[in-house]
Protein backbone atom coordinates (compact mmCIF):
# COMPACT_ATOMS: atom_id res chain seq x y z
CA MET A 1 -0.14 -0.29 -0.17
CA THR A 2 1.47 3.37 -1.10
CA PRO A 3 0.30 6.62 0.19
CA ASP A 4 -2.16 7.24 -2.67
CA THR A 5 -4.10 3.94 -2.09
CA ILE A 6 -5.63 4.89 1.18
CA GLN A 7 -8.69 2.96 2.42
CA PRO A 8 -11.43 5.19 1.03
CA TRP A 9 -14.15 4.42 3.92
CA TYR A 10 -14.21 5.47 7.12
CA THR A 11 -13.94 2.42 9.51
CA THR A 12 -14.05 1.04 13.21
CA GLN A 13 -10.79 -0.23 12.93
CA LEU A 14 -9.07 2.26 15.59
CA GLY A 15 -11.07 0.03 17.98
CA ALA A 16 -8.53 -2.72 17.79
CA GLY A 17 -6.01 -0.38 19.17
CA LEU A 18 -5.16 3.35 19.36
CA GLY A 19 -1.84 4.85 19.07
CA LEU A 20 0.25 1.72 20.58
CA VAL A 21 3.34 3.50 20.59
CA GLU A 22 4.97 1.14 23.12
CA GLU A 23 3.47 -1.93 21.70
CA THR A 24 4.51 -1.14 18.20
CA ARG A 25 8.11 -0.30 19.15
CA LEU A 26 8.05 -3.86 20.83
CA LEU A 27 6.68 -5.56 17.80
CA LEU A 28 9.20 -3.73 15.51
CA SER A 29 12.07 -5.14 17.97
CA LEU A 30 10.33 -8.73 16.87
CA TYR A 31 9.77 -8.03 13.22
CA ASN A 32 12.22 -9.09 10.34
CA PRO A 33 11.43 -8.51 6.81
CA GLU A 34 10.59 -12.34 5.83
CA ILE A 35 8.34 -12.91 8.80
CA THR A 36 4.44 -13.03 8.28
CA THR A 37 1.77 -11.70 10.51
CA THR A 38 0.97 -15.23 11.74
CA GLN A 39 4.66 -15.74 12.50
CA LEU A 40 5.11 -12.22 14.39
CA TYR A 41 2.09 -13.07 16.63
CA GLN A 42 3.64 -16.35 17.66
CA GLU A 43 6.95 -14.47 18.05
CA ALA A 44 5.18 -12.04 20.11
CA LEU A 45 3.18 -14.48 22.27
CA ASN A 46 6.34 -16.53 22.81
CA SER A 47 8.41 -13.55 23.57
CA GLY A 48 7.15 -12.73 27.31
CA LEU A 49 7.14 -8.95 26.17
CA PHE A 50 3.21 -8.45 26.52
CA PRO A 51 2.50 -10.21 29.72
CA MET A 52 -0.43 -8.07 30.65
CA ILE A 53 -2.09 -8.59 26.88
CA SER A 54 -4.33 -11.64 26.24
CA ALA A 55 -3.55 -13.91 23.25
CA ARG A 56 -6.68 -12.63 21.75
CA ARG A 57 -5.98 -9.00 22.06
CA LEU A 58 -2.38 -9.23 20.87
CA ARG A 59 -3.72 -10.95 17.66
CA ASN A 60 -6.09 -8.37 17.14
CA ILE A 61 -3.33 -5.58 17.60
CA ILE A 62 -0.94 -7.22 15.23
CA VAL A 63 -3.65 -8.29 12.56
CA GLU A 64 -6.00 -5.34 12.86
CA CYS A 65 -3.40 -2.59 13.90
CA PHE A 66 0.36 -3.44 13.12
CA SER A 67 -0.30 -5.09 9.91
CA PRO A 68 -2.29 -2.55 7.68
CA ARG A 69 -0.18 0.41 9.35
CA TYR A 70 3.27 -1.00 8.79
CA LEU A 71 3.58 -3.89 7.21
CA LYS A 72 0.79 -3.77 4.13
CA PRO A 73 2.66 -0.39 3.15
CA ASP A 74 6.09 -2.12 3.75
CA VAL A 75 7.47 0.54 6.25
CA ALA A 76 8.05 -1.52 9.20
CA ILE A 77 11.63 -2.28 7.82
CA TYR A 78 12.31 1.27 7.96
CA LEU A 79 10.96 1.91 11.20
CA LYS A 80 12.49 -0.90 13.03
CA PRO A 81 16.23 0.39 13.21
CA ILE A 82 14.66 3.78 14.02
CA ALA A 83 12.67 2.76 16.89
CA GLU A 84 15.81 1.39 18.62
CA VAL A 85 17.47 4.87 18.79
CA VAL A 86 15.00 7.55 18.82
CA SER A 87 13.10 9.20 21.29
CA GLY A 88 9.23 8.40 22.21
CA GLN A 89 7.98 11.70 20.52
CA SER A 90 10.03 11.28 17.60
CA LEU A 91 8.93 7.70 16.76
CA SER A 92 5.17 8.87 17.80
CA GLN A 93 5.32 11.48 14.71
CA LEU A 94 6.27 8.74 12.15
CA LEU A 95 3.69 6.39 13.90
CA LEU A 96 1.12 9.24 13.69
CA ILE A 97 1.49 9.26 9.71
CA HIS A 98 1.22 5.68 9.26
CA THR A 99 -1.87 5.30 11.34
CA ALA A 100 -3.59 8.24 9.86
CA LEU A 101 -2.98 6.78 6.25
CA ALA A 102 -4.59 3.54 7.44
CA ASN A 103 -7.27 4.98 9.25
CA LYS A 104 -8.95 7.76 6.83
CA VAL A 105 -11.34 8.85 9.85
CA LEU A 106 -8.23 9.64 11.90
CA LEU A 107 -6.42 11.51 8.86
CA ASP A 108 -9.43 13.60 8.29
CA PHE A 109 -10.40 14.37 12.02
CA ILE A 110 -6.76 15.58 12.55
CA THR A 111 -6.51 17.63 9.31
CA SER A 112 -9.68 19.35 9.39
CA SER A 113 -11.41 19.32 12.89
CA TYR A 114 -8.34 19.27 15.00
CA TRP A 115 -6.30 22.11 13.24
CA GLU A 116 -9.61 24.01 12.60
CA LYS A 117 -10.23 24.26 16.15
CA TYR A 118 -6.65 25.21 16.82
CA SER A 119 -6.47 27.83 14.18
CA SER A 120 -9.78 29.06 15.40
CA ASN A 121 -8.03 29.71 18.79
CA TYR A 122 -9.80 27.12 20.99
CA ASP A 123 -7.97 25.63 23.53
CA THR A 124 -10.00 22.37 23.91
CA ILE A 125 -11.42 19.61 21.56
CA SER A 126 -14.61 18.22 23.21
CA THR A 127 -16.20 14.82 23.17
CA GLU A 128 -19.26 16.62 21.61
CA ASP A 129 -16.78 17.73 18.79
CA ALA A 130 -15.60 14.22 17.91
CA ASN A 131 -19.10 13.15 18.02
CA ASP A 132 -20.28 15.89 15.40
CA PHE A 133 -17.39 15.09 13.28
CA VAL A 134 -18.05 11.54 13.04
CA SER A 135 -21.89 12.07 12.60
CA GLN A 136 -21.41 14.66 9.74
CA ALA A 137 -19.22 11.99 8.08
CA VAL A 138 -21.94 9.33 8.23
CA ALA A 139 -24.55 11.97 7.19
CA GLU A 140 -22.14 12.66 4.04
CA GLY A 141 -21.75 8.87 3.26
CA LYS A 142 -18.28 8.34 4.34
CA THR A 143 -18.99 5.16 5.90
CA GLN A 144 -19.78 2.05 3.70
CA LYS A 145 -22.92 1.77 5.81
CA PRO A 146 -24.56 4.01 8.29
CA TRP A 147 -23.42 3.83 11.71
CA SER A 148 -25.78 3.51 14.70
CA ASP A 149 -25.25 6.37 17.49
CA SER A 150 -23.44 3.93 19.64
CA THR A 151 -21.00 3.30 16.84
CA ILE A 152 -20.45 6.96 16.22
CA LYS A 153 -19.74 7.44 20.09
CA ARG A 154 -17.42 4.83 19.78
CA VAL A 155 -15.44 5.93 17.05
CA ALA A 156 -15.21 9.59 18.49
CA SER A 157 -13.73 8.07 21.66
CA TYR A 158 -11.38 6.43 19.56
CA LEU A 159 -10.19 9.64 17.50
CA LEU A 160 -9.96 11.40 20.76
CA GLY A 161 -7.64 8.70 22.45
CA CYS A 162 -5.73 8.37 19.60
CA CYS A 163 -4.88 11.91 19.41
CA ALA A 164 -3.87 11.70 22.96
CA ASP A 165 -1.60 8.79 22.60
CA TYR A 166 0.21 10.65 19.54
CA GLN A 167 0.33 13.58 21.95
CA LEU A 168 -2.04 15.98 20.10
CA LEU A 169 -4.33 16.01 22.96
CA SER A 170 -3.99 15.67 26.61
CA ALA A 171 -4.90 12.25 27.97
CA GLY A 172 -7.59 11.20 30.56
CA ARG A 173 -11.21 10.33 30.18
CA VAL A 174 -12.59 13.82 30.30
CA SER A 175 -15.23 15.69 28.30
CA LYS A 176 -12.66 18.40 27.04
CA ARG A 177 -9.27 17.53 25.93
CA THR A 178 -6.49 20.34 25.97
CA ILE A 179 -4.95 20.86 22.43
CA GLN A 180 -1.37 20.21 22.13
CA PRO A 181 -0.03 20.95 18.62
CA VAL A 182 3.12 19.27 17.73
CA ARG A 183 5.77 21.00 15.87
CA ILE A 184 7.07 18.54 13.22
CA GLN A 185 10.64 17.44 13.80
CA SER A 186 13.40 17.63 11.22
CA THR A 187 13.58 13.99 10.98
CA THR A 188 9.88 13.47 10.52
CA CYS A 189 9.98 15.92 7.91
CA LEU A 190 12.99 13.82 6.13
CA TYR A 191 11.60 10.56 6.59
CA LEU A 192 8.09 11.81 5.06
CA ALA A 193 9.61 13.83 2.46
CA TYR A 194 11.84 10.79 1.12
CA TRP A 195 9.37 8.12 1.77
CA LEU A 196 6.68 10.03 -0.59
CA HIS A 197 9.38 10.65 -3.23
CA PHE A 198 10.35 7.11 -3.56
CA SER A 199 6.66 6.19 -3.24
CA GLY A 200 6.67 8.06 -6.81
CA TYR A 201 5.15 11.43 -6.36
CA GLY A 202 6.43 14.12 -8.07
CA ASP A 203 7.86 17.05 -6.09
CA ASN A 204 4.73 19.18 -6.04
CA ALA A 205 2.54 16.53 -5.57
CA LEU A 206 4.54 15.43 -2.67
CA ILE A 207 4.30 18.81 -1.23
CA ASN A 208 0.53 18.63 -1.52
CA HIS A 209 0.16 15.48 0.26
CA ASP A 210 -2.23 15.26 2.88
CA SER A 211 0.18 13.67 5.14
CA TRP A 212 1.88 17.40 6.13
CA LYS A 213 -1.60 18.42 7.28
CA LEU A 214 -1.25 16.25 10.43
CA PHE A 215 1.10 18.73 11.49
CA GLY A 216 -0.62 21.65 10.50
CA LEU A 217 1.25 22.16 7.58
CA ASP A 218 0.11 23.76 4.33
CA PRO A 219 2.23 23.73 0.92
CA PHE A 220 3.93 26.90 1.71
CA ASP A 221 4.79 25.66 5.24
CA VAL A 222 6.08 22.39 3.51
CA ARG A 223 8.21 24.02 1.15
CA GLU A 224 9.75 26.19 4.32
CA GLU A 225 10.59 22.94 6.06
CA LEU A 226 12.15 21.23 3.25
CA LYS A 227 14.19 24.57 2.88
CA THR A 228 15.49 23.93 6.40
CA LEU A 229 16.47 20.50 5.64
CA ALA A 230 18.31 21.89 2.44
CA LYS A 231 20.52 23.66 4.94
CA LYS A 232 21.65 20.38 6.50
CA ASN A 233 22.48 19.34 2.85
CA TRP A 234 19.78 16.59 2.92
CA LEU A 235 18.14 18.16 -0.29
CA ILE A 236 18.08 21.10 -2.31
CA VAL A 237 14.95 23.05 -3.00
CA GLN A 238 14.34 25.46 -5.79
CA THR A 239 11.14 27.44 -5.78
CA ALA A 240 9.33 29.53 -8.43
CA GLY A 241 5.98 30.73 -7.66
CA GLU A 242 3.89 27.57 -6.93
CA VAL A 243 6.32 25.28 -8.80
CA THR A 244 8.86 23.54 -6.63
CA ARG A 245 11.95 21.35 -7.72
CA ILE A 246 13.72 19.05 -5.47
CA SER A 247 17.20 17.58 -6.09
CA TRP A 248 17.32 14.46 -4.07
CA HIS A 249 20.79 13.79 -2.39
CA PHE A 250 19.94 10.36 -0.86
CA GLN A 251 19.41 7.28 -3.29
CA SER A 252 17.34 4.82 -1.03
CA MET A 253 15.35 5.00 2.26
CA GLU A 254 18.11 2.82 3.98
CA GLU A 255 20.35 6.10 3.46
CA VAL A 256 17.68 8.42 4.95
CA ILE A 257 17.25 5.99 8.18
CA ASN A 258 21.13 6.11 8.47
CA VAL A 259 20.82 9.73 8.52
CA ILE A 260 17.84 9.66 11.02
CA ILE A 261 19.58 7.35 13.32
CA GLU A 262 22.88 9.52 13.49
CA SER A 263 20.85 12.67 13.82
């Protein structure tokens, strides 16, 4: 799965697991490029790394969360070495990208509702806000079939919980959560730019990709972030009006990952 083959429908898949940052780090430690989902489950089950998680729950995490986020788009191979050395916040930003791309309801909630609230000078997002977002989506036909009120309520709670796991919102079971806007890290920007590039995006399509909106960035902001990367000699950016041309210094994602690890 490449970034342009996002699941078109909103689903309830986040119910199988929200951010799962620490669980993902542990699963990446067990991952190897040849492993299947079934083999990863057996490795995880036998590892002793998940003593508080039932076998059934662990299987759901791997099949419903880890696989569609990191195995199907074939990015676990890049995230594994990163997860071994970077901070929790740095890893969290990368996991957010792939979780949102695998769950369009989360992608749209963050890129529209979340940042719209922030740009309108709101300090919090409420349970009602999330419910309204999901209800409107169902009314607009963004689910394969209409959701019940209870499903709408559950998915709204998943959205808020997932945002909290990725440090976009304060944690806790409260009716209002504090907005904690994240600043994209240079290594996140480097990873995302090159991943989109190697996924086949042209320079201008890359700059306009929805993934940047997860961090509140519009195309102008993206260009500025890329210019910051250029100062580190990681690429070269040339702009003329709305047209941008990028010269890419690295020839593979493996080279990019090495730079991130050493940064």
